[in-house]
Each structure stands twice: as C-alpha cells, then as structure tokens.
Amino acid sequence: MKAKGKWVWIVSFISIISCLLFAAGLGMSIYDYVSASKATVKEMPKPKQETSSSNKSTKNYTIVALGDSLTRGTGDAVGKGYVGYLKDNLEEKTKKKILLSNFGIKGQTSSQLASQVKQQQIQRQIKSADTVLITIGGNDLFQGGQTLQNLNKNNIQKLENDYLKNVDSILKSIRSANKDTTIFLIGLYNPFSNLQDAKTTTAIVREWNYKSSELSANYKQTVFVPTFDLFQLKVDDYLYTDKFHPNAKGYKLIAERVASLITW
C-alpha cells in the first residue's frame, strides 16, 4: 500500500513539473510572438507619400509669344514658325499641357510692340504666362531692305538707340505685369551674310545683339537667345525664298535652341 502511494506521488510530481514546463514554454512563445510583432511594426518603413502625378501631368504651361513676322512664322510652309515647333518640342518632353497665345504681327517694329504690350488684353495674358517669347528688331534694322542702301554709321546708330529704348520699355511692361515669368528675347541673325556688304551688316547685327544682351541682363528671369551662329555658315539653307525669313529648317533651329533653355 505504501509502495502504491509512493508511485502515485511520483506520477503526480512529474505531471506538475510537466505542466509548469508547458506553461513556461507557452509563455515564452507568446512573449516571442508579441516581441516580434512589435519589432516588425517598428522597423517597417512608413508608406512613401507620393505627390499626385495627375496634378503634375494636367498642369498647364502657358506661353505668350510677341513680336514680328518671325513670331507669326512667315516663311514656314505649314505656318508653325519657331513658336509652333517649340510647342511640339516641349510637348514631347513633358506631360504638361502647353497653352500658347501668339500675338506676333508681320512687319511689327519695336515701337509698335512697346505699345502693344501695354494693351489690357496682352497684359492679362502676360500675367498668367510661365514664359514670354519675343522676336523683334529685324524690321527696325533692315526696314524692308532700305537700310542696305544707307549703311551710314550715324543712321545705324540712331536706329539702334531707338530700338534699345523700345526694348527697355517692352521688358519693363512685361515685368510689371508678371514679376516671375521667364522672358526669352530672341536675337537677330544676318540674312544678308552672302551679299556684297556682308562684313558690314554682320558687324551691325553683332553689335545690336550685344547691346540687346546687355540690356536684357538688367531684368531678372530674362534670357537673351542668340541665333546669329545658327544661320552664319549656311544661311541660304535656312532661308525662305524671300531670302529674309527663315524656312522650316531655320525655324526648327531656333525652336530647338529656345527649348534647350526652358526649365520646368
């Protein structure tokens, strides 16, 4: 009887020990699980806050083009001109919608443009523009070819002084309407570089470009865009049949240069 009781006590003791070990093991397992869960939550990187791509892709980029027949695209068979080709170029580089307003007038001079930019309609357009493009000065300088018959230094100097005064007024009007828009002032090329007085006309055009560049540097966010070199070596390849305006190839060269300067 005593032996039987002793055996029961031993079995009971082993059972108790087993239960305690099981409980301890279960407790450790639960602790490990909870600890692992907390560590996972703590170490897991937060979801990246992405900017809505739809907002960027649908945002408009507004361009206002001002100036003369180059802005109108005279000489281009399809009528796009550098402004139209620039729009095509930019649309290939961005998802933004390019909104273009072209106010170029064939034959326009700098004095006429200085008056045009003060008009309410133009001021409203400039106010919302991301970029303003300007081609002006060819009619001031060459006057439909009349200047070639009188390349007198004093005559050229007066034309230049009047032109620079008008360009200064144009830039002031644009900047007063929009202090942040980027202004691109497109420089002159020499369509007569293959003619007899090429050396003289080249020197004149270079001087006008230099003075225009210096003037534009006085205004923030204003970039002078040279075009002289684009036409210098093969001018006839890039001119329309009137031997004055660019053809499609010439306009595309100008568009590519301006496009390379535009930043988003």
C-alpha atoms as a PDB file:
ATOM      1  CA  MET A   1       0.000   0.000   0.000  1.00  0.00           C
ATOM      2  CA  LYS A   2       2.837   2.295   0.894  1.00  0.00           C
ATOM      3  CA  ALA A   3       4.605   1.419  -2.376  1.00  0.00           C
ATOM      4  CA  LYS A   4       1.449   2.216  -4.374  1.00  0.00           C
ATOM      5  CA  GLY A   5       1.076   5.620  -2.668  1.00  0.00           C
ATOM      6  CA  LYS A   6       4.683   6.443  -3.329  1.00  0.00           C
ATOM      7  CA  TRP A   7       4.226   5.670  -7.041  1.00  0.00           C
ATOM      8  CA  VAL A   8       1.127   7.881  -7.263  1.00  0.00           C
ATOM      9  CA  TRP A   9       3.064  10.728  -5.638  1.00  0.00           C
ATOM     10  CA  ILE A  10       5.889  10.374  -8.147  1.00  0.00           C
ATOM     11  CA  VAL A  11       3.473  10.404 -11.116  1.00  0.00           C
ATOM     12  CA  SER A  12       1.708  13.455  -9.697  1.00  0.00           C
ATOM     13  CA  PHE A  13       5.003  15.264  -9.190  1.00  0.00           C
ATOM     14  CA  ILE A  14       6.078  14.539 -12.785  1.00  0.00           C
ATOM     15  CA  SER A  15       2.691  15.767 -14.068  1.00  0.00           C
ATOM     16  CA  ILE A  16       3.019  19.009 -12.118  1.00  0.00           C
ATOM     17  CA  ILE A  17       6.538  19.580 -13.402  1.00  0.00           C
ATOM     18  CA  SER A  18       5.353  18.912 -16.999  1.00  0.00           C
ATOM     19  CA  CYS A  19       2.513  21.392 -16.619  1.00  0.00           C
ATOM     20  CA  LEU A  20       4.884  24.015 -15.285  1.00  0.00           C
ATOM     21  CA  LEU A  21       7.300  23.458 -18.165  1.00  0.00           C
ATOM     22  CA  PHE A  22       4.461  23.637 -20.690  1.00  0.00           C
ATOM     23  CA  ALA A  23       3.186  26.854 -19.150  1.00  0.00           C
ATOM     24  CA  ALA A  24       6.659  28.332 -19.187  1.00  0.00           C
ATOM     25  CA  GLY A  25       7.161  27.309 -22.803  1.00  0.00           C
ATOM     26  CA  LEU A  26       3.796  28.756 -23.812  1.00  0.00           C
ATOM     27  CA  GLY A  27       4.616  31.971 -22.021  1.00  0.00           C
ATOM     28  CA  MET A  28       7.938  32.250 -23.808  1.00  0.00           C
ATOM     29  CA  SER A  29       6.298  31.585 -27.166  1.00  0.00           C
ATOM     30  CA  ILE A  30       3.669  34.267 -26.569  1.00  0.00           C
ATOM     31  CA  TYR A  31       6.368  36.723 -25.492  1.00  0.00           C
ATOM     32  CA  ASP A  32       8.473  35.988 -28.551  1.00  0.00           C
ATOM     33  CA  TYR A  33       5.461  36.433 -30.850  1.00  0.00           C
ATOM     34  CA  VAL A  34       4.422  39.723 -29.275  1.00  0.00           C
ATOM     35  CA  SER A  35       8.007  40.981 -29.289  1.00  0.00           C
ATOM     36  CA  ALA A  36       8.467  40.023 -32.944  1.00  0.00           C
ATOM     37  CA  SER A  37       5.218  41.717 -33.878  1.00  0.00           C
ATOM     38  CA  LYS A  38       6.230  44.930 -32.146  1.00  0.00           C
ATOM     39  CA  ALA A  39       9.646  44.889 -33.806  1.00  0.00           C
ATOM     40  CA  THR A  40       8.084  44.313 -37.211  1.00  0.00           C
ATOM     41  CA  VAL A  41       5.732  47.242 -36.795  1.00  0.00           C
ATOM     42  CA  LYS A  42       8.501  49.487 -35.511  1.00  0.00           C
ATOM     43  CA  GLU A  43      11.034  48.586 -38.173  1.00  0.00           C
ATOM     44  CA  MET A  44       8.661  48.587 -41.136  1.00  0.00           C
ATOM     45  CA  PRO A  45       9.204  51.809 -43.166  1.00  0.00           C
ATOM     46  CA  LYS A  46       6.279  54.167 -43.410  1.00  0.00           C
ATOM     47  CA  PRO A  47       4.493  54.236 -46.769  1.00  0.00           C
ATOM     48  CA  LYS A  48       6.105  56.824 -49.052  1.00  0.00           C
ATOM     49  CA  GLN A  49       3.951  59.897 -49.512  1.00  0.00           C
ATOM     50  CA  GLU A  50       3.877  60.290 -53.278  1.00  0.00           C
ATOM     51  CA  THR A  51       2.931  63.527 -54.944  1.00  0.00           C
ATOM     52  CA  SER A  52      -0.101  63.060 -57.109  1.00  0.00           C
ATOM     53  CA  SER A  53       1.210  62.566 -60.628  1.00  0.00           C
ATOM     54  CA  SER A  54      -2.177  63.531 -62.007  1.00  0.00           C
ATOM     55  CA  ASN A  55      -1.740  67.070 -60.688  1.00  0.00           C
ATOM     56  CA  LYS A  56       1.596  67.421 -62.440  1.00  0.00           C
ATOM     57  CA  SER A  57       0.504  65.871 -65.700  1.00  0.00           C
ATOM     58  CA  THR A  58      -2.580  68.042 -66.004  1.00  0.00           C
ATOM     59  CA  LYS A  59      -0.943  71.311 -65.036  1.00  0.00           C
ATOM     60  CA  ASN A  60      -0.716  73.787 -67.884  1.00  0.00           C
ATOM     61  CA  TYR A  61       2.421  75.526 -69.094  1.00  0.00           C
ATOM     62  CA  THR A  62       1.480  78.865 -70.616  1.00  0.00           C
ATOM     63  CA  ILE A  63       3.482  80.609 -73.324  1.00  0.00           C
ATOM     64  CA  VAL A  64       2.833  84.090 -74.718  1.00  0.00           C
ATOM     65  CA  ALA A  65       4.632  84.890 -77.978  1.00  0.00           C
ATOM     66  CA  LEU A  66       5.146  88.503 -79.012  1.00  0.00           C
ATOM     67  CA  GLY A  67       6.882  90.188 -81.898  1.00  0.00           C
ATOM     68  CA  ASP A  68       7.131  90.338 -85.647  1.00  0.00           C
ATOM     69  CA  SER A  69       6.823  88.021 -88.645  1.00  0.00           C
ATOM     70  CA  LEU A  70       9.238  85.509 -87.109  1.00  0.00           C
ATOM     71  CA  THR A  71       6.773  85.013 -84.285  1.00  0.00           C
ATOM     72  CA  ARG A  72       3.985  84.659 -86.852  1.00  0.00           C
ATOM     73  CA  GLY A  73       6.005  82.047 -88.734  1.00  0.00           C
ATOM     74  CA  THR A  74       6.286  83.809 -92.088  1.00  0.00           C
ATOM     75  CA  GLY A  75       8.309  81.658 -94.482  1.00  0.00           C
ATOM     76  CA  ASP A  76       7.307  78.339 -92.974  1.00  0.00           C
ATOM     77  CA  ALA A  77       5.220  76.305 -95.419  1.00  0.00           C
ATOM     78  CA  VAL A  78       2.962  74.990 -92.656  1.00  0.00           C
ATOM     79  CA  GLY A  79       2.839  78.286 -90.766  1.00  0.00           C
ATOM     80  CA  LYS A  80       4.191  76.989 -87.467  1.00  0.00           C
ATOM     81  CA  GLY A  81       7.308  79.096 -87.236  1.00  0.00           C
ATOM     82  CA  TYR A  82       9.704  78.694 -84.332  1.00  0.00           C
ATOM     83  CA  VAL A  83       6.832  79.141 -81.852  1.00  0.00           C
ATOM     84  CA  GLY A  84       4.876  76.196 -83.251  1.00  0.00           C
ATOM     85  CA  TYR A  85       7.916  73.942 -83.433  1.00  0.00           C
ATOM     86  CA  LEU A  86       8.854  74.940 -79.910  1.00  0.00           C
ATOM     87  CA  LYS A  87       5.409  73.873 -78.704  1.00  0.00           C
ATOM     88  CA  ASP A  88       5.828  70.488 -80.433  1.00  0.00           C
ATOM     89  CA  ASN A  89       9.268  70.093 -78.895  1.00  0.00           C
ATOM     90  CA  LEU A  90       8.068  70.835 -75.369  1.00  0.00           C
ATOM     91  CA  GLU A  91       5.074  68.531 -75.654  1.00  0.00           C
ATOM     92  CA  GLU A  92       7.458  65.662 -76.331  1.00  0.00           C
ATOM     93  CA  LYS A  93       9.384  66.405 -73.138  1.00  0.00           C
ATOM     94  CA  THR A  94       6.576  66.928 -70.638  1.00  0.00           C
ATOM     95  CA  LYS A  95       3.132  65.703 -69.684  1.00  0.00           C
ATOM     96  CA  LYS A  96       2.045  69.259 -69.082  1.00  0.00           C
ATOM     97  CA  LYS A  97      -0.386  70.806 -71.500  1.00  0.00           C
ATOM     98  CA  ILE A  98       1.248  73.626 -73.451  1.00  0.00           C
ATOM     99  CA  LEU A  99      -1.062  76.605 -73.823  1.00  0.00           C
ATOM    100  CA  LEU A 100       0.162  79.008 -76.492  1.00  0.00           C
ATOM    101  CA  SER A 101      -1.027  82.524 -77.338  1.00  0.00           C
ATOM    102  CA  ASN A 102       0.668  84.016 -80.401  1.00  0.00           C
ATOM    103  CA  PHE A 103       0.346  87.793 -80.753  1.00  0.00           C
ATOM    104  CA  GLY A 104       3.036  88.245 -83.398  1.00  0.00           C
ATOM    105  CA  ILE A 105       2.322  90.758 -86.161  1.00  0.00           C
ATOM    106  CA  LYS A 106       4.025  90.667 -89.526  1.00  0.00           C
ATOM    107  CA  GLY A 107       6.118  93.799 -90.090  1.00  0.00           C
ATOM    108  CA  GLN A 108       5.921  94.907 -86.461  1.00  0.00           C
ATOM    109  CA  THR A 109       8.656  97.191 -85.151  1.00  0.00           C
ATOM    110  CA  SER A 110       9.896  97.618 -81.594  1.00  0.00           C
ATOM    111  CA  SER A 111       7.952 100.871 -81.132  1.00  0.00           C
ATOM    112  CA  GLN A 112       4.748  99.119 -82.174  1.00  0.00           C
ATOM    113  CA  LEU A 113       5.425  96.213 -79.836  1.00  0.00           C
ATOM    114  CA  ALA A 114       6.138  98.648 -76.998  1.00  0.00           C
ATOM    115  CA  SER A 115       2.597  99.954 -77.484  1.00  0.00           C
ATOM    116  CA  GLN A 116       1.064  96.504 -77.948  1.00  0.00           C
ATOM    117  CA  VAL A 117       2.354  95.106 -74.637  1.00  0.00           C
ATOM    118  CA  LYS A 118       0.545  97.877 -72.766  1.00  0.00           C
ATOM    119  CA  GLN A 119      -2.844  96.780 -74.071  1.00  0.00           C
ATOM    120  CA  GLN A 120      -5.152  95.259 -71.458  1.00  0.00           C
ATOM    121  CA  GLN A 121      -5.629  92.013 -73.344  1.00  0.00           C
ATOM    122  CA  ILE A 122      -1.883  91.472 -73.678  1.00  0.00           C
ATOM    123  CA  GLN A 123      -1.273  92.431 -70.053  1.00  0.00           C
ATOM    124  CA  ARG A 124      -3.833  89.842 -68.914  1.00  0.00           C
ATOM    125  CA  GLN A 125      -2.165  87.137 -70.988  1.00  0.00           C
ATOM    126  CA  ILE A 126       1.305  88.034 -69.737  1.00  0.00           C
ATOM    127  CA  LYS A 127       0.080  87.989 -66.131  1.00  0.00           C
ATOM    128  CA  SER A 128      -0.639  84.251 -66.318  1.00  0.00           C
ATOM    129  CA  ALA A 129       2.300  83.295 -68.555  1.00  0.00           C
ATOM    130  CA  ASP A 130       5.065  80.941 -67.481  1.00  0.00           C
ATOM    131  CA  THR A 131       7.165  82.107 -70.427  1.00  0.00           C
ATOM    132  CA  VAL A 132       7.113  85.111 -72.761  1.00  0.00           C
ATOM    133  CA  LEU A 133       8.863  84.864 -76.132  1.00  0.00           C
ATOM    134  CA  ILE A 134       9.952  87.894 -78.152  1.00  0.00           C
ATOM    135  CA  THR A 135      11.315  88.340 -81.659  1.00  0.00           C
ATOM    136  CA  ILE A 136      11.780  91.972 -82.567  1.00  0.00           C
ATOM    137  CA  GLY A 137      14.324  94.239 -84.250  1.00  0.00           C
ATOM    138  CA  GLY A 138      14.667  92.888 -87.772  1.00  0.00           C
ATOM    139  CA  ASN A 139      12.253  95.464 -89.159  1.00  0.00           C
ATOM    140  CA  ASP A 140      13.855  98.244 -87.108  1.00  0.00           C
ATOM    141  CA  LEU A 141      17.272  97.488 -88.526  1.00  0.00           C
ATOM    142  CA  PHE A 142      16.679  96.390 -92.109  1.00  0.00           C
ATOM    143  CA  GLN A 143      13.444  98.307 -92.833  1.00  0.00           C
ATOM    144  CA  GLY A 144      12.445  96.047 -95.676  1.00  0.00           C
ATOM    145  CA  GLY A 145      15.934  96.269 -97.200  1.00  0.00           C
ATOM    146  CA  GLN A 146      16.131 100.079 -97.248  1.00  0.00           C
ATOM    147  CA  THR A 147      18.909 100.140 -94.659  1.00  0.00           C
ATOM    148  CA  LEU A 148      21.157  98.250 -97.082  1.00  0.00           C
ATOM    149  CA  GLN A 149      21.093 101.323 -99.302  1.00  0.00           C
ATOM    150  CA  ASN A 150      22.212 103.564 -96.447  1.00  0.00           C
ATOM    151  CA  LEU A 151      24.667 101.829 -94.151  1.00  0.00           C
ATOM    152  CA  ASN A 152      25.819 105.171 -92.766  1.00  0.00           C
ATOM    153  CA  LYS A 153      27.142 104.793 -89.229  1.00  0.00           C
ATOM    154  CA  ASN A 154      25.103 107.692 -87.831  1.00  0.00           C
ATOM    155  CA  ASN A 155      21.928 106.342 -89.408  1.00  0.00           C
ATOM    156  CA  ILE A 156      22.511 102.889 -87.951  1.00  0.00           C
ATOM    157  CA  GLN A 157      23.329 104.348 -84.539  1.00  0.00           C
ATOM    158  CA  LYS A 158      20.045 106.249 -84.404  1.00  0.00           C
ATOM    159  CA  LEU A 159      18.091 103.130 -85.375  1.00  0.00           C
ATOM    160  CA  GLU A 160      19.915 101.192 -82.683  1.00  0.00           C
ATOM    161  CA  ASN A 161      19.307 103.779 -79.964  1.00  0.00           C
ATOM    162  CA  ASP A 162      15.586 103.930 -80.735  1.00  0.00           C
ATOM    163  CA  TYR A 163      15.393 100.144 -80.799  1.00  0.00           C
ATOM    164  CA  LEU A 164      17.111  99.705 -77.428  1.00  0.00           C
ATOM    165  CA  LYS A 165      14.874 102.338 -75.856  1.00  0.00           C
ATOM    166  CA  ASN A 166      11.808 100.481 -77.087  1.00  0.00           C
ATOM    167  CA  VAL A 167      13.081  97.078 -75.950  1.00  0.00           C
ATOM    168  CA  ASP A 168      13.694  98.527 -72.497  1.00  0.00           C
ATOM    169  CA  SER A 169      10.098  99.747 -72.431  1.00  0.00           C
ATOM    170  CA  ILE A 170       8.845  96.331 -73.616  1.00  0.00           C
ATOM    171  CA  LEU A 171      10.722  94.469 -70.891  1.00  0.00           C
ATOM    172  CA  LYS A 172       9.515  96.898 -68.231  1.00  0.00           C
ATOM    173  CA  SER A 173       5.899  96.426 -69.310  1.00  0.00           C
ATOM    174  CA  ILE A 174       6.198  92.645 -69.241  1.00  0.00           C
ATOM    175  CA  ARG A 175       7.931  92.601 -65.879  1.00  0.00           C
ATOM    176  CA  SER A 176       5.379  94.965 -64.342  1.00  0.00           C
ATOM    177  CA  ALA A 177       2.593  92.597 -65.422  1.00  0.00           C
ATOM    178  CA  ASN A 178       4.377  89.458 -64.233  1.00  0.00           C
ATOM    179  CA  LYS A 179       7.411  89.598 -61.962  1.00  0.00           C
ATOM    180  CA  ASP A 180       8.120  85.865 -62.204  1.00  0.00           C
ATOM    181  CA  THR A 181       7.610  84.892 -65.832  1.00  0.00           C
ATOM    182  CA  THR A 182      10.692  83.884 -67.815  1.00  0.00           C
ATOM    183  CA  ILE A 183      11.329  86.158 -70.787  1.00  0.00           C
ATOM    184  CA  PHE A 184      13.248  84.952 -73.836  1.00  0.00           C
ATOM    185  CA  LEU A 185      14.455  87.722 -76.147  1.00  0.00           C
ATOM    186  CA  ILE A 186      15.412  86.089 -79.440  1.00  0.00           C
ATOM    187  CA  GLY A 187      18.464  87.638 -81.066  1.00  0.00           C
ATOM    188  CA  LEU A 188      18.904  88.667 -84.704  1.00  0.00           C
ATOM    189  CA  TYR A 189      20.581  86.689 -87.472  1.00  0.00           C
ATOM    190  CA  ASN A 190      22.003  88.221 -90.649  1.00  0.00           C
ATOM    191  CA  PRO A 191      20.022  87.135 -93.719  1.00  0.00           C
ATOM    192  CA  PHE A 192      22.391  89.150 -95.939  1.00  0.00           C
ATOM    193  CA  SER A 193      25.636  87.466 -94.949  1.00  0.00           C
ATOM    194  CA  ASN A 194      26.177  86.244 -98.536  1.00  0.00           C
ATOM    195  CA  LEU A 195      25.820  89.686-100.121  1.00  0.00           C
ATOM    196  CA  GLN A 196      28.447  92.256-101.044  1.00  0.00           C
ATOM    197  CA  ASP A 197      28.246  94.222 -97.777  1.00  0.00           C
ATOM    198  CA  ALA A 198      28.224  91.080 -95.611  1.00  0.00           C
ATOM    199  CA  LYS A 199      31.124  92.242 -93.450  1.00  0.00           C
ATOM    200  CA  THR A 200      29.378  95.499 -92.613  1.00  0.00           C
ATOM    201  CA  THR A 201      25.921  94.002 -91.977  1.00  0.00           C
ATOM    202  CA  THR A 202      27.455  91.235 -89.886  1.00  0.00           C
ATOM    203  CA  ALA A 203      29.228  93.781 -87.683  1.00  0.00           C
ATOM    204  CA  ILE A 204      25.988  95.745 -87.283  1.00  0.00           C
ATOM    205  CA  VAL A 205      23.918  92.696 -86.337  1.00  0.00           C
ATOM    206  CA  ARG A 206      26.545  91.548 -83.874  1.00  0.00           C
ATOM    207  CA  GLU A 207      26.537  94.979 -82.247  1.00  0.00           C
ATOM    208  CA  TRP A 208      22.742  95.012 -81.961  1.00  0.00           C
ATOM    209  CA  ASN A 209      22.778  91.549 -80.413  1.00  0.00           C
ATOM    210  CA  TYR A 210      25.471  92.531 -77.937  1.00  0.00           C
ATOM    211  CA  LYS A 211      23.549  95.626 -76.809  1.00  0.00           C
ATOM    212  CA  SER A 212      20.306  93.630 -76.605  1.00  0.00           C
ATOM    213  CA  SER A 213      22.016  91.006 -74.469  1.00  0.00           C
ATOM    214  CA  GLU A 214      23.423  93.650 -72.143  1.00  0.00           C
ATOM    215  CA  LEU A 215      20.009  95.264 -71.799  1.00  0.00           C
ATOM    216  CA  SER A 216      18.180  92.018 -71.080  1.00  0.00           C
ATOM    217  CA  ALA A 217      20.713  91.237 -68.335  1.00  0.00           C
ATOM    218  CA  ASN A 218      19.244  94.141 -66.347  1.00  0.00           C
ATOM    219  CA  TYR A 219      15.993  92.236 -65.903  1.00  0.00           C
ATOM    220  CA  LYS A 220      15.652  89.138 -63.754  1.00  0.00           C
ATOM    221  CA  GLN A 221      14.470  85.915 -65.352  1.00  0.00           C
ATOM    222  CA  THR A 222      15.240  87.390 -68.783  1.00  0.00           C
ATOM    223  CA  VAL A 223      17.359  85.411 -71.232  1.00  0.00           C
ATOM    224  CA  PHE A 224      18.870  86.620 -74.485  1.00  0.00           C
ATOM    225  CA  VAL A 225      18.837  83.788 -77.037  1.00  0.00           C
ATOM    226  CA  PRO A 226      21.481  84.075 -79.799  1.00  0.00           C
ATOM    227  CA  THR A 227      20.563  82.887 -83.290  1.00  0.00           C
ATOM    228  CA  PHE A 228      23.305  84.532 -85.351  1.00  0.00           C
ATOM    229  CA  ASP A 229      25.530  81.454 -85.314  1.00  0.00           C
ATOM    230  CA  LEU A 230      22.708  79.156 -86.404  1.00  0.00           C
ATOM    231  CA  PHE A 231      22.480  80.878 -89.790  1.00  0.00           C
ATOM    232  CA  GLN A 232      26.064  82.056 -90.144  1.00  0.00           C
ATOM    233  CA  LEU A 233      27.636  79.249 -92.173  1.00  0.00           C
ATOM    234  CA  LYS A 234      24.732  78.071 -94.345  1.00  0.00           C
ATOM    235  CA  VAL A 235      22.356  80.999 -94.390  1.00  0.00           C
ATOM    236  CA  ASP A 236      20.783  80.084 -97.747  1.00  0.00           C
ATOM    237  CA  ASP A 237      19.911  76.606 -96.477  1.00  0.00           C
ATOM    238  CA  TYR A 238      17.762  78.072 -93.717  1.00  0.00           C
ATOM    239  CA  LEU A 239      16.047  80.959 -95.501  1.00  0.00           C
ATOM    240  CA  TYR A 240      12.701  81.134 -97.254  1.00  0.00           C
ATOM    241  CA  THR A 241      12.578  82.108-100.927  1.00  0.00           C
ATOM    242  CA  ASP A 242      12.327  85.794 -99.956  1.00  0.00           C
ATOM    243  CA  LYS A 243      15.890  85.456 -98.603  1.00  0.00           C
ATOM    244  CA  PHE A 244      14.897  87.191 -95.394  1.00  0.00           C
ATOM    245  CA  HIS A 245      12.639  84.972 -93.286  1.00  0.00           C
ATOM    246  CA  PRO A 246      13.639  81.513 -92.077  1.00  0.00           C
ATOM    247  CA  ASN A 247      12.216  78.432 -93.760  1.00  0.00           C
ATOM    248  CA  ALA A 248      11.022  75.415 -91.757  1.00  0.00           C
ATOM    249  CA  LYS A 249      14.608  74.245 -91.177  1.00  0.00           C
ATOM    250  CA  GLY A 250      15.634  77.654 -89.897  1.00  0.00           C
ATOM    251  CA  TYR A 251      12.659  77.929 -87.578  1.00  0.00           C
ATOM    252  CA  LYS A 252      13.323  74.470 -86.179  1.00  0.00           C
ATOM    253  CA  LEU A 253      16.881  75.503 -85.312  1.00  0.00           C
ATOM    254  CA  ILE A 254      15.579  78.480 -83.354  1.00  0.00           C
ATOM    255  CA  ALA A 255      12.911  76.365 -81.645  1.00  0.00           C
ATOM    256  CA  GLU A 256      15.450  73.755 -80.560  1.00  0.00           C
ATOM    257  CA  ARG A 257      17.696  76.395 -79.049  1.00  0.00           C
ATOM    258  CA  VAL A 258      14.888  78.010 -77.058  1.00  0.00           C
ATOM    259  CA  ALA A 259      13.574  74.605 -75.952  1.00  0.00           C
ATOM    260  CA  SER A 260      17.003  73.704 -74.579  1.00  0.00           C
ATOM    261  CA  LEU A 261      16.837  76.746 -72.276  1.00  0.00           C
ATOM    262  CA  ILE A 262      13.379  76.167 -70.820  1.00  0.00           C
ATOM    263  CA  THR A 263      13.322  74.567 -67.380  1.00  0.00           C
ATOM    264  CA  TRP A 264      10.258  73.231 -65.574  1.00  0.00           C
END
